[in-house]
């Protein structure tokens, strides 16, 4: 049982890394920090054309939710 508990953070880190990599592939021109929260917190509204801005914010939020849900 202790092995499973010890493996959980690694799995969580693996998932976060995978989701982060997928997002970087989908948005190759963006520079994401280690935490997606930072990308949303420091994003300046109006810095992209409106349609791109909506898509960008949705993709980052979706990636963040996937990490939080664990899949």
N, C-alpha and C. Protein backbone atom coordinates (compact mmCIF):
# COMPACT_ATOMS: atom_id res chain seq x y z
N UNK A 1 0.81 -1.19 0.00
CA UNK A 1 0.00 0.00 0.00
C UNK A 1 0.86 1.26 0.00
N UNK A 2 1.96 1.26 0.70
CA UNK A 2 2.81 2.44 0.73
C UNK A 2 3.40 2.74 -0.65
N UNK A 3 3.60 1.72 -1.47
CA UNK A 3 4.12 1.95 -2.82
C UNK A 3 3.13 2.75 -3.65
N UNK A 4 1.85 2.43 -3.54
CA UNK A 4 0.84 3.15 -4.30
C UNK A 4 0.80 4.63 -3.90
N UNK A 5 0.86 4.91 -2.62
CA UNK A 5 0.84 6.29 -2.14
C UNK A 5 2.06 7.02 -2.66
N UNK A 6 3.22 6.36 -2.63
CA UNK A 6 4.44 6.99 -3.10
C UNK A 6 4.39 7.24 -4.60
N UNK A 7 3.66 6.39 -5.36
CA UNK A 7 3.57 6.55 -6.81
C UNK A 7 2.62 7.67 -7.22
N UNK A 8 1.70 8.06 -6.40
CA UNK A 8 0.70 9.06 -6.80
C UNK A 8 1.29 10.38 -7.25
N UNK A 9 2.22 10.97 -6.52
CA UNK A 9 2.78 12.24 -7.00
C UNK A 9 3.47 12.10 -8.34
N UNK A 10 4.15 10.99 -8.55
CA UNK A 10 4.83 10.78 -9.83
C UNK A 10 3.80 10.70 -10.95
N UNK A 11 2.70 9.99 -10.74
CA UNK A 11 1.67 9.90 -11.76
C UNK A 11 1.06 11.26 -12.02
N UNK A 12 0.84 12.02 -10.98
CA UNK A 12 0.29 13.36 -11.13
C UNK A 12 1.24 14.24 -11.92
N UNK A 13 2.52 14.14 -11.62
CA UNK A 13 3.52 14.91 -12.35
C UNK A 13 3.59 14.47 -13.81
N UNK A 14 3.47 13.14 -14.05
CA UNK A 14 3.47 12.62 -15.41
C UNK A 14 2.28 13.17 -16.19
N UNK A 15 1.12 13.17 -15.58
CA UNK A 15 -0.09 13.68 -16.23
C UNK A 15 0.08 15.16 -16.54
N UNK A 16 0.53 15.93 -15.57
CA UNK A 16 0.72 17.36 -15.79
C UNK A 16 1.72 17.60 -16.92
N UNK A 17 2.77 16.82 -16.97
CA UNK A 17 3.75 16.95 -18.03
C UNK A 17 3.18 16.62 -19.40
N UNK A 18 2.37 15.55 -19.45
CA UNK A 18 1.73 15.17 -20.71
C UNK A 18 0.77 16.24 -21.20
N UNK A 19 -0.08 16.72 -20.29
CA UNK A 19 -1.06 17.74 -20.65
C UNK A 19 -0.35 19.03 -21.07
N UNK A 20 0.68 19.38 -20.37
CA UNK A 20 1.46 20.58 -20.69
C UNK A 20 2.10 20.43 -22.07
N UNK A 21 2.64 19.25 -22.37
CA UNK A 21 3.25 18.99 -23.68
C UNK A 21 2.22 19.05 -24.80
N UNK A 22 1.04 18.48 -24.56
CA UNK A 22 -0.02 18.53 -25.56
C UNK A 22 -0.43 19.97 -25.85
N UNK A 23 -0.55 20.75 -24.80
CA UNK A 23 -0.94 22.14 -24.96
C UNK A 23 0.14 22.90 -25.74
N UNK A 24 1.39 22.63 -25.45
CA UNK A 24 2.49 23.29 -26.15
C UNK A 24 2.51 22.89 -27.63
N UNK A 25 2.12 21.66 -27.94
CA UNK A 25 2.04 21.24 -29.34
C UNK A 25 0.89 21.93 -30.05
N UNK A 26 -0.23 22.10 -29.35
CA UNK A 26 -1.40 22.76 -29.94
C UNK A 26 -1.18 24.26 -30.10
N UNK A 27 -0.39 24.83 -29.23
CA UNK A 27 -0.12 26.28 -29.25
C UNK A 27 1.40 26.50 -29.24
N UNK A 28 2.07 26.16 -30.35
CA UNK A 28 3.53 26.18 -30.36
C UNK A 28 4.16 27.57 -30.20
N UNK A 29 3.43 28.62 -30.48
CA UNK A 29 3.99 29.96 -30.37
C UNK A 29 3.90 30.54 -28.96
N UNK A 30 3.25 29.82 -28.07
CA UNK A 30 3.06 30.31 -26.71
C UNK A 30 4.18 29.80 -25.80
N UNK A 31 4.51 30.59 -24.81
CA UNK A 31 5.52 30.22 -23.83
C UNK A 31 4.81 30.00 -22.50
N UNK A 32 4.58 28.74 -22.16
CA UNK A 32 3.88 28.42 -20.91
C UNK A 32 4.89 28.22 -19.79
N UNK A 33 4.57 28.76 -18.65
CA UNK A 33 5.40 28.54 -17.48
C UNK A 33 5.16 27.15 -16.93
N UNK A 34 5.75 26.89 -15.81
CA UNK A 34 5.60 25.58 -15.18
C UNK A 34 4.16 25.32 -14.76
N UNK A 35 3.47 26.37 -14.34
CA UNK A 35 2.09 26.24 -13.87
C UNK A 35 1.15 26.97 -14.81
N UNK A 36 0.11 26.28 -15.24
CA UNK A 36 -0.85 26.89 -16.16
C UNK A 36 -1.62 28.03 -15.49
N UNK A 37 -1.74 27.98 -14.18
CA UNK A 37 -2.39 29.08 -13.46
C UNK A 37 -1.70 30.41 -13.78
N UNK A 38 -0.38 30.37 -13.87
CA UNK A 38 0.38 31.58 -14.17
C UNK A 38 0.05 32.11 -15.56
N UNK A 39 -0.14 31.20 -16.50
CA UNK A 39 -0.47 31.62 -17.86
C UNK A 39 -1.80 32.35 -17.89
N UNK A 40 -2.73 31.92 -17.07
CA UNK A 40 -4.03 32.59 -17.00
C UNK A 40 -3.96 33.86 -16.17
N UNK A 41 -3.26 33.81 -15.06
CA UNK A 41 -3.17 34.97 -14.17
C UNK A 41 -2.46 36.16 -14.82
N UNK A 42 -1.44 35.87 -15.61
CA UNK A 42 -0.65 36.95 -16.19
C UNK A 42 -1.05 37.30 -17.62
N UNK A 43 -2.09 36.64 -18.12
CA UNK A 43 -2.53 36.93 -19.48
C UNK A 43 -3.17 38.32 -19.55
N UNK A 44 -2.80 39.08 -20.54
CA UNK A 44 -3.37 40.42 -20.74
C UNK A 44 -4.49 40.34 -21.77
N UNK A 45 -5.71 40.60 -21.33
CA UNK A 45 -6.85 40.59 -22.24
C UNK A 45 -6.62 41.61 -23.35
N UNK A 46 -6.97 41.21 -24.56
CA UNK A 46 -6.80 42.09 -25.70
C UNK A 46 -5.44 41.98 -26.37
N UNK A 47 -4.58 41.11 -25.87
CA UNK A 47 -3.25 40.98 -26.46
C UNK A 47 -3.24 40.10 -27.71
N UNK A 48 -4.36 39.46 -28.00
CA UNK A 48 -4.52 38.62 -29.19
C UNK A 48 -5.81 39.05 -29.89
N UNK A 49 -5.94 38.70 -31.16
CA UNK A 49 -7.24 38.91 -31.80
C UNK A 49 -8.31 38.14 -31.03
N UNK A 50 -9.50 38.66 -30.99
CA UNK A 50 -10.57 38.11 -30.14
C UNK A 50 -10.79 36.61 -30.32
N UNK A 51 -10.87 36.14 -31.57
CA UNK A 51 -11.13 34.71 -31.78
C UNK A 51 -9.97 33.86 -31.27
N UNK A 52 -8.74 34.31 -31.46
CA UNK A 52 -7.58 33.58 -30.95
C UNK A 52 -7.54 33.62 -29.43
N UNK A 53 -7.92 34.74 -28.86
CA UNK A 53 -7.91 34.91 -27.41
C UNK A 53 -8.88 33.93 -26.76
N UNK A 54 -10.07 33.81 -27.30
CA UNK A 54 -11.07 32.90 -26.75
C UNK A 54 -10.57 31.46 -26.83
N UNK A 55 -10.03 31.08 -27.98
CA UNK A 55 -9.53 29.72 -28.15
C UNK A 55 -8.37 29.43 -27.19
N UNK A 56 -7.44 30.38 -27.08
CA UNK A 56 -6.29 30.23 -26.19
C UNK A 56 -6.75 30.01 -24.74
N UNK A 57 -7.62 30.89 -24.26
CA UNK A 57 -8.08 30.80 -22.87
C UNK A 57 -8.83 29.50 -22.61
N UNK A 58 -9.66 29.08 -23.56
CA UNK A 58 -10.39 27.82 -23.40
C UNK A 58 -9.44 26.63 -23.34
N UNK A 59 -8.44 26.63 -24.21
CA UNK A 59 -7.50 25.51 -24.23
C UNK A 59 -6.68 25.44 -22.94
N UNK A 60 -6.24 26.57 -22.45
CA UNK A 60 -5.46 26.57 -21.21
C UNK A 60 -6.33 26.14 -20.03
N UNK A 61 -7.55 26.64 -19.96
CA UNK A 61 -8.46 26.24 -18.87
C UNK A 61 -8.79 24.75 -18.93
N UNK A 62 -9.03 24.25 -20.14
CA UNK A 62 -9.32 22.82 -20.29
C UNK A 62 -8.13 21.98 -19.85
N UNK A 63 -6.94 22.37 -20.23
CA UNK A 63 -5.73 21.64 -19.82
C UNK A 63 -5.59 21.67 -18.30
N UNK A 64 -5.82 22.81 -17.72
CA UNK A 64 -5.74 22.97 -16.27
C UNK A 64 -6.77 22.06 -15.58
N UNK A 65 -7.98 22.01 -16.09
CA UNK A 65 -9.02 21.15 -15.51
C UNK A 65 -8.67 19.68 -15.65
N UNK A 66 -8.08 19.29 -16.78
CA UNK A 66 -7.66 17.89 -16.96
C UNK A 66 -6.66 17.48 -15.89
N UNK A 67 -5.74 18.37 -15.60
CA UNK A 67 -4.73 18.08 -14.58
C UNK A 67 -5.40 17.96 -13.21
N UNK A 68 -6.30 18.88 -12.92
CA UNK A 68 -6.98 18.85 -11.62
C UNK A 68 -7.84 17.61 -11.46
N UNK A 69 -8.50 17.16 -12.54
CA UNK A 69 -9.33 15.97 -12.48
C UNK A 69 -8.51 14.69 -12.45
N UNK A 70 -7.30 14.77 -12.96
CA UNK A 70 -6.43 13.60 -12.94
C UNK A 70 -6.51 12.75 -14.18
N UNK A 71 -7.00 13.32 -15.28
CA UNK A 71 -7.02 12.57 -16.56
C UNK A 71 -7.02 13.47 -17.75
